[in-house]
Amino acid sequence: QEWTTKADMCMALGTSLCGMNADQLVTKTAYRAMGKWNKKVKKVKNPGQGAVIVSLQQTQYDNICTLRIYGKLDVVLSLLAKEIGLTIDTETFQPKIPKEFRVRPDVFLVPYDKNGNYSKTEKTEWDLSDRAKIKVTDGPGKGYEGIITGKNEDGHYICRLPSQREGSPSQGKVLTNYLLGTWWIDSAIHGRCDKLPIINVE
């Protein structure tokens, strides 16, 4: 919510912008830039402002973006990385976890309370092992319960949960697989986030 009023430029990558709450980051940034348009030449005074939409399909906000690119993300972002001289590490991220944070395989000791909130005084066991029961702590799926069903080929955790697609007829009904990236383990053991995305339930 904070960045809907602060962002000068927003990139929407691969999204259909079909009406989710997060879409307002794109629209509000775009409208803010449109307010700075030079009406005679029909362009933003600062070309670096507004919304950039990159996807293969049309969206309902194509007419308000500053730049519209129809293309595959792999191609577009590779070209962007080359243009700005960015070298991308293609190796799969592997968190380095000190042994004092490892309780047992896929179970970690983290500085969060039982509700998933960061704590300077409490520590809990975060169980991401196969068949562990979990609950979503925030967002459109807050309160939804599910289980961990193993890992994918890159080692990220597969969370089987009711659909969290906001506004969709399937929301809260159809079971869907979501990935919890292994970088969350590194962030969690060091208390880098205010809240864990999922917690364990009995």
C-alpha atoms as a PDB file:
ATOM      1  CA  GLN A   1       0.000   0.000   0.000  1.00  0.00           C
ATOM      2  CA  GLU A   2       2.842   2.382   0.848  1.00  0.00           C
ATOM      3  CA  TRP A   3       4.455   2.071  -2.580  1.00  0.00           C
ATOM      4  CA  THR A   4       1.224   2.852  -4.446  1.00  0.00           C
ATOM      5  CA  THR A   5       1.815   6.464  -3.420  1.00  0.00           C
ATOM      6  CA  LYS A   6       5.615   6.512  -3.678  1.00  0.00           C
ATOM      7  CA  ALA A   7       6.599   4.606  -6.832  1.00  0.00           C
ATOM      8  CA  ASP A   8       7.715   6.561  -9.898  1.00  0.00           C
ATOM      9  CA  MET A   9       7.941   3.460 -12.075  1.00  0.00           C
ATOM     10  CA  CYS A  10       6.455  -0.012 -11.821  1.00  0.00           C
ATOM     11  CA  MET A  11       7.130  -3.093 -13.961  1.00  0.00           C
ATOM     12  CA  ALA A  12       4.342  -5.670 -14.338  1.00  0.00           C
ATOM     13  CA  LEU A  13       6.020  -8.860 -15.545  1.00  0.00           C
ATOM     14  CA  GLY A  14       3.984 -11.730 -16.931  1.00  0.00           C
ATOM     15  CA  THR A  15       0.796 -10.837 -15.083  1.00  0.00           C
ATOM     16  CA  SER A  16      -2.649 -10.629 -16.659  1.00  0.00           C
ATOM     17  CA  LEU A  17      -3.581  -7.726 -14.331  1.00  0.00           C
ATOM     18  CA  CYS A  18      -7.013  -9.252 -14.012  1.00  0.00           C
ATOM     19  CA  GLY A  19      -8.220  -7.322 -10.991  1.00  0.00           C
ATOM     20  CA  MET A  20      -6.199  -8.400  -7.978  1.00  0.00           C
ATOM     21  CA  ASN A  21      -5.532  -5.882  -5.211  1.00  0.00           C
ATOM     22  CA  ALA A  22      -1.853  -5.688  -6.183  1.00  0.00           C
ATOM     23  CA  ASP A  23      -2.848  -4.228  -9.570  1.00  0.00           C
ATOM     24  CA  GLN A  24      -3.274  -0.820  -7.942  1.00  0.00           C
ATOM     25  CA  LEU A  25       0.504  -0.474  -7.759  1.00  0.00           C
ATOM     26  CA  VAL A  26       0.511  -0.502 -11.561  1.00  0.00           C
ATOM     27  CA  THR A  27      -2.548   1.701 -12.073  1.00  0.00           C
ATOM     28  CA  LYS A  28      -1.752   4.359  -9.473  1.00  0.00           C
ATOM     29  CA  THR A  29       1.842   4.657 -10.697  1.00  0.00           C
ATOM     30  CA  ALA A  30       0.601   4.919 -14.286  1.00  0.00           C
ATOM     31  CA  TYR A  31      -2.041   7.558 -13.502  1.00  0.00           C
ATOM     32  CA  ARG A  32       0.463   9.569 -11.509  1.00  0.00           C
ATOM     33  CA  ALA A  33       2.754   9.646 -14.558  1.00  0.00           C
ATOM     34  CA  MET A  34      -0.179  10.477 -16.846  1.00  0.00           C
ATOM     35  CA  GLY A  35      -0.814  13.543 -14.730  1.00  0.00           C
ATOM     36  CA  LYS A  36       2.605  14.745 -15.835  1.00  0.00           C
ATOM     37  CA  TRP A  37       1.945  14.188 -19.514  1.00  0.00           C
ATOM     38  CA  ASN A  38       2.633  16.981 -21.946  1.00  0.00           C
ATOM     39  CA  LYS A  39      -0.794  17.172 -23.603  1.00  0.00           C
ATOM     40  CA  LYS A  40       0.604  18.587 -26.840  1.00  0.00           C
ATOM     41  CA  VAL A  41       3.034  15.754 -27.548  1.00  0.00           C
ATOM     42  CA  LYS A  42       1.148  13.048 -25.646  1.00  0.00           C
ATOM     43  CA  LYS A  43       4.032  11.669 -23.643  1.00  0.00           C
ATOM     44  CA  VAL A  44       5.345  11.628 -20.107  1.00  0.00           C
ATOM     45  CA  LYS A  45       7.824  14.422 -19.408  1.00  0.00           C
ATOM     46  CA  ASN A  46      10.149  11.917 -17.750  1.00  0.00           C
ATOM     47  CA  PRO A  47      10.200   8.706 -19.847  1.00  0.00           C
ATOM     48  CA  GLY A  48      11.380   6.775 -16.793  1.00  0.00           C
ATOM     49  CA  GLN A  49       8.054   7.240 -14.991  1.00  0.00           C
ATOM     50  CA  GLY A  50       4.814   5.269 -15.151  1.00  0.00           C
ATOM     51  CA  ALA A  51       4.016   1.615 -15.722  1.00  0.00           C
ATOM     52  CA  VAL A  52       5.858  -0.896 -17.881  1.00  0.00           C
ATOM     53  CA  ILE A  53       3.908  -4.021 -18.822  1.00  0.00           C
ATOM     54  CA  VAL A  54       5.680  -7.071 -20.221  1.00  0.00           C
ATOM     55  CA  SER A  55       3.610 -10.113 -21.216  1.00  0.00           C
ATOM     56  CA  LEU A  56       2.371 -12.079 -24.201  1.00  0.00           C
ATOM     57  CA  GLN A  57      -1.309 -11.264 -23.810  1.00  0.00           C
ATOM     58  CA  GLN A  58      -3.213  -8.003 -23.760  1.00  0.00           C
ATOM     59  CA  THR A  59      -4.216  -6.471 -20.428  1.00  0.00           C
ATOM     60  CA  GLN A  60      -6.899  -3.993 -19.467  1.00  0.00           C
ATOM     61  CA  TYR A  61      -4.226  -1.410 -18.607  1.00  0.00           C
ATOM     62  CA  ASP A  62      -2.244  -1.421 -21.867  1.00  0.00           C
ATOM     63  CA  ASN A  63      -3.649   2.013 -22.733  1.00  0.00           C
ATOM     64  CA  ILE A  64      -2.268   3.720 -19.618  1.00  0.00           C
ATOM     65  CA  CYS A  65       1.248   2.286 -19.506  1.00  0.00           C
ATOM     66  CA  THR A  66       4.306   4.260 -20.541  1.00  0.00           C
ATOM     67  CA  LEU A  67       5.905   1.242 -22.221  1.00  0.00           C
ATOM     68  CA  ARG A  68       4.260  -1.959 -23.478  1.00  0.00           C
ATOM     69  CA  ILE A  69       6.335  -4.969 -24.520  1.00  0.00           C
ATOM     70  CA  TYR A  70       4.800  -8.131 -25.949  1.00  0.00           C
ATOM     71  CA  GLY A  71       7.326 -10.897 -25.375  1.00  0.00           C
ATOM     72  CA  LYS A  72       8.534 -13.757 -23.213  1.00  0.00           C
ATOM     73  CA  LEU A  73      10.053 -12.730 -19.894  1.00  0.00           C
ATOM     74  CA  ASP A  74      13.155 -14.859 -20.408  1.00  0.00           C
ATOM     75  CA  VAL A  75      13.934 -13.015 -23.629  1.00  0.00           C
ATOM     76  CA  VAL A  76      13.016  -9.503 -22.477  1.00  0.00           C
ATOM     77  CA  LEU A  77      14.817  -9.711 -19.136  1.00  0.00           C
ATOM     78  CA  SER A  78      17.900 -11.293 -20.700  1.00  0.00           C
ATOM     79  CA  LEU A  79      18.102  -8.347 -23.100  1.00  0.00           C
ATOM     80  CA  LEU A  80      17.582  -5.913 -20.219  1.00  0.00           C
ATOM     81  CA  ALA A  81      20.327  -7.580 -18.167  1.00  0.00           C
ATOM     82  CA  LYS A  82      22.687  -7.366 -21.138  1.00  0.00           C
ATOM     83  CA  GLU A  83      21.839  -3.696 -21.705  1.00  0.00           C
ATOM     84  CA  ILE A  84      22.610  -2.686 -18.113  1.00  0.00           C
ATOM     85  CA  GLY A  85      25.622  -4.979 -17.817  1.00  0.00           C
ATOM     86  CA  LEU A  86      24.107  -7.269 -15.208  1.00  0.00           C
ATOM     87  CA  THR A  87      25.579 -10.721 -14.721  1.00  0.00           C
ATOM     88  CA  ILE A  88      23.012 -13.201 -13.464  1.00  0.00           C
ATOM     89  CA  ASP A  89      23.961 -16.183 -11.334  1.00  0.00           C
ATOM     90  CA  THR A  90      22.019 -19.115 -12.749  1.00  0.00           C
ATOM     91  CA  GLU A  91      22.897 -21.515  -9.943  1.00  0.00           C
ATOM     92  CA  THR A  92      20.025 -22.629  -7.715  1.00  0.00           C
ATOM     93  CA  PHE A  93      20.147 -20.842  -4.355  1.00  0.00           C
ATOM     94  CA  GLN A  94      21.248 -23.086  -1.521  1.00  0.00           C
ATOM     95  CA  PRO A  95      20.840 -21.578   1.962  1.00  0.00           C
ATOM     96  CA  LYS A  96      23.770 -21.981   4.328  1.00  0.00           C
ATOM     97  CA  ILE A  97      22.219 -22.975   7.624  1.00  0.00           C
ATOM     98  CA  PRO A  98      24.389 -23.160  10.765  1.00  0.00           C
ATOM     99  CA  LYS A  99      23.878 -26.399  12.673  1.00  0.00           C
ATOM    100  CA  GLU A 100      22.438 -24.588  15.707  1.00  0.00           C
ATOM    101  CA  PHE A 101      19.401 -23.662  13.573  1.00  0.00           C
ATOM    102  CA  ARG A 102      18.838 -27.207  12.314  1.00  0.00           C
ATOM    103  CA  VAL A 103      16.535 -29.260  14.536  1.00  0.00           C
ATOM    104  CA  ARG A 104      16.265 -32.171  12.093  1.00  0.00           C
ATOM    105  CA  PRO A 105      15.924 -32.424   8.297  1.00  0.00           C
ATOM    106  CA  ASP A 106      13.610 -29.621   7.038  1.00  0.00           C
ATOM    107  CA  VAL A 107      12.869 -28.401  10.584  1.00  0.00           C
ATOM    108  CA  PHE A 108      14.495 -25.143  11.667  1.00  0.00           C
ATOM    109  CA  LEU A 109      14.766 -23.092  14.853  1.00  0.00           C
ATOM    110  CA  VAL A 110      13.613 -19.541  14.066  1.00  0.00           C
ATOM    111  CA  PRO A 111      13.151 -16.311  16.111  1.00  0.00           C
ATOM    112  CA  TYR A 112       9.376 -16.131  15.684  1.00  0.00           C
ATOM    113  CA  ASP A 113       6.428 -16.770  17.984  1.00  0.00           C
ATOM    114  CA  LYS A 114       3.743 -19.403  17.402  1.00  0.00           C
ATOM    115  CA  ASN A 115       1.749 -16.925  15.259  1.00  0.00           C
ATOM    116  CA  GLY A 116       4.686 -16.299  12.955  1.00  0.00           C
ATOM    117  CA  ASN A 117       5.600 -12.849  14.267  1.00  0.00           C
ATOM    118  CA  TYR A 118       9.252 -11.916  14.732  1.00  0.00           C
ATOM    119  CA  SER A 119      10.335 -12.060  18.344  1.00  0.00           C
ATOM    120  CA  LYS A 120      13.500 -11.043  20.180  1.00  0.00           C
ATOM    121  CA  THR A 121      12.675 -13.379  23.052  1.00  0.00           C
ATOM    122  CA  GLU A 122      10.931 -16.410  21.546  1.00  0.00           C
ATOM    123  CA  LYS A 123      12.056 -19.167  19.215  1.00  0.00           C
ATOM    124  CA  THR A 124       9.936 -21.840  17.585  1.00  0.00           C
ATOM    125  CA  GLU A 125      10.502 -24.879  15.418  1.00  0.00           C
ATOM    126  CA  TRP A 126       9.489 -24.206  11.807  1.00  0.00           C
ATOM    127  CA  ASP A 127       8.556 -27.579  10.359  1.00  0.00           C
ATOM    128  CA  LEU A 128       8.755 -27.769   6.554  1.00  0.00           C
ATOM    129  CA  SER A 129       9.075 -31.528   6.373  1.00  0.00           C
ATOM    130  CA  ASP A 130       6.901 -33.670   4.127  1.00  0.00           C
ATOM    131  CA  ARG A 131       3.262 -33.821   5.348  1.00  0.00           C
ATOM    132  CA  ALA A 132       3.770 -31.042   7.920  1.00  0.00           C
ATOM    133  CA  LYS A 133       0.524 -29.136   8.538  1.00  0.00           C
ATOM    134  CA  ILE A 134       0.663 -25.408   7.739  1.00  0.00           C
ATOM    135  CA  LYS A 135      -1.447 -22.244   7.817  1.00  0.00           C
ATOM    136  CA  VAL A 136      -1.110 -19.018   5.799  1.00  0.00           C
ATOM    137  CA  THR A 137      -0.459 -15.958   7.984  1.00  0.00           C
ATOM    138  CA  ASP A 138      -1.405 -13.055   5.720  1.00  0.00           C
ATOM    139  CA  GLY A 139      -2.759 -11.911   2.367  1.00  0.00           C
ATOM    140  CA  PRO A 140      -5.834 -13.179   0.469  1.00  0.00           C
ATOM    141  CA  GLY A 141      -5.261 -16.686   1.839  1.00  0.00           C
ATOM    142  CA  LYS A 142      -4.872 -15.709   5.488  1.00  0.00           C
ATOM    143  CA  GLY A 143      -6.025 -18.564   7.685  1.00  0.00           C
ATOM    144  CA  TYR A 144      -6.060 -21.175   4.920  1.00  0.00           C
ATOM    145  CA  GLU A 145      -4.647 -24.505   6.053  1.00  0.00           C
ATOM    146  CA  GLY A 146      -2.792 -27.153   4.096  1.00  0.00           C
ATOM    147  CA  ILE A 147       0.280 -29.381   4.090  1.00  0.00           C
ATOM    148  CA  ILE A 148       3.818 -29.560   2.784  1.00  0.00           C
ATOM    149  CA  THR A 149       3.982 -32.212   0.040  1.00  0.00           C
ATOM    150  CA  GLY A 150       7.729 -32.411  -0.456  1.00  0.00           C
ATOM    151  CA  LYS A 151      10.070 -30.392  -2.658  1.00  0.00           C
ATOM    152  CA  ASN A 152      10.426 -29.629  -6.341  1.00  0.00           C
ATOM    153  CA  GLU A 153      13.514 -30.353  -8.425  1.00  0.00           C
ATOM    154  CA  ASP A 154      15.210 -27.160  -7.203  1.00  0.00           C
ATOM    155  CA  GLY A 155      14.636 -27.983  -3.547  1.00  0.00           C
ATOM    156  CA  HIS A 156      11.841 -25.455  -2.939  1.00  0.00           C
ATOM    157  CA  TYR A 157       8.993 -26.570  -0.689  1.00  0.00           C
ATOM    158  CA  ILE A 158       5.630 -27.466  -2.222  1.00  0.00           C
ATOM    159  CA  CYS A 159       2.704 -26.120  -0.171  1.00  0.00           C
ATOM    160  CA  ARG A 160      -0.684 -27.678  -0.909  1.00  0.00           C
ATOM    161  CA  LEU A 161      -3.262 -25.034   0.001  1.00  0.00           C
ATOM    162  CA  PRO A 162      -6.708 -23.756  -1.028  1.00  0.00           C
ATOM    163  CA  SER A 163      -6.468 -21.311  -3.933  1.00  0.00           C
ATOM    164  CA  GLN A 164      -5.451 -17.813  -2.831  1.00  0.00           C
ATOM    165  CA  ARG A 165      -6.339 -16.081  -6.094  1.00  0.00           C
ATOM    166  CA  GLU A 166      -8.292 -13.089  -4.830  1.00  0.00           C
ATOM    167  CA  GLY A 167     -11.741 -12.696  -6.405  1.00  0.00           C
ATOM    168  CA  SER A 168     -11.576 -16.036  -8.207  1.00  0.00           C
ATOM    169  CA  PRO A 169     -14.489 -18.510  -7.908  1.00  0.00           C
ATOM    170  CA  SER A 170     -11.876 -21.073  -6.862  1.00  0.00           C
ATOM    171  CA  GLN A 171     -10.548 -18.959  -3.986  1.00  0.00           C
ATOM    172  CA  GLY A 172     -10.552 -20.973  -0.789  1.00  0.00           C
ATOM    173  CA  LYS A 173     -12.002 -24.021  -2.550  1.00  0.00           C
ATOM    174  CA  VAL A 174      -9.688 -25.616  -5.103  1.00  0.00           C
ATOM    175  CA  LEU A 175      -6.451 -27.082  -3.734  1.00  0.00           C
ATOM    176  CA  THR A 176      -3.404 -25.570  -5.423  1.00  0.00           C
ATOM    177  CA  ASN A 177       0.356 -26.050  -5.186  1.00  0.00           C
ATOM    178  CA  TYR A 178       2.420 -23.036  -4.095  1.00  0.00           C
ATOM    179  CA  LEU A 179       6.185 -22.890  -3.744  1.00  0.00           C
ATOM    180  CA  LEU A 180       8.023 -21.667  -0.676  1.00  0.00           C
ATOM    181  CA  GLY A 181      11.510 -20.728  -1.855  1.00  0.00           C
ATOM    182  CA  THR A 182      14.502 -22.000   0.098  1.00  0.00           C
ATOM    183  CA  TRP A 183      15.650 -18.386   0.564  1.00  0.00           C
ATOM    184  CA  TRP A 184      12.866 -18.153   3.150  1.00  0.00           C
ATOM    185  CA  ILE A 185      14.863 -20.446   5.410  1.00  0.00           C
ATOM    186  CA  ASP A 186      17.848 -18.101   5.317  1.00  0.00           C
ATOM    187  CA  SER A 187      15.597 -15.087   5.970  1.00  0.00           C
ATOM    188  CA  ALA A 188      13.721 -16.838   8.774  1.00  0.00           C
ATOM    189  CA  ILE A 189      16.672 -18.102  10.802  1.00  0.00           C
ATOM    190  CA  HIS A 190      18.156 -14.590  10.771  1.00  0.00           C
ATOM    191  CA  GLY A 191      14.821 -12.882  11.554  1.00  0.00           C
ATOM    192  CA  ARG A 192      14.918 -10.669   8.482  1.00  0.00           C
ATOM    193  CA  CYS A 193      11.138 -10.504   8.027  1.00  0.00           C
ATOM    194  CA  ASP A 194       8.421  -9.246  10.351  1.00  0.00           C
ATOM    195  CA  LYS A 195       6.285 -12.318   9.779  1.00  0.00           C
ATOM    196  CA  LEU A 196       6.633 -15.831   8.421  1.00  0.00           C
ATOM    197  CA  PRO A 197       4.430 -16.549   5.378  1.00  0.00           C
ATOM    198  CA  ILE A 198       3.220 -19.840   6.859  1.00  0.00           C
ATOM    199  CA  ILE A 199       3.180 -21.368  10.342  1.00  0.00           C
ATOM    200  CA  ASN A 200       2.624 -24.872  11.633  1.00  0.00           C
ATOM    201  CA  VAL A 201      -0.677 -26.053  13.040  1.00  0.00           C
ATOM    202  CA  GLU A 202      -1.471 -29.094  15.133  1.00  0.00           C
END
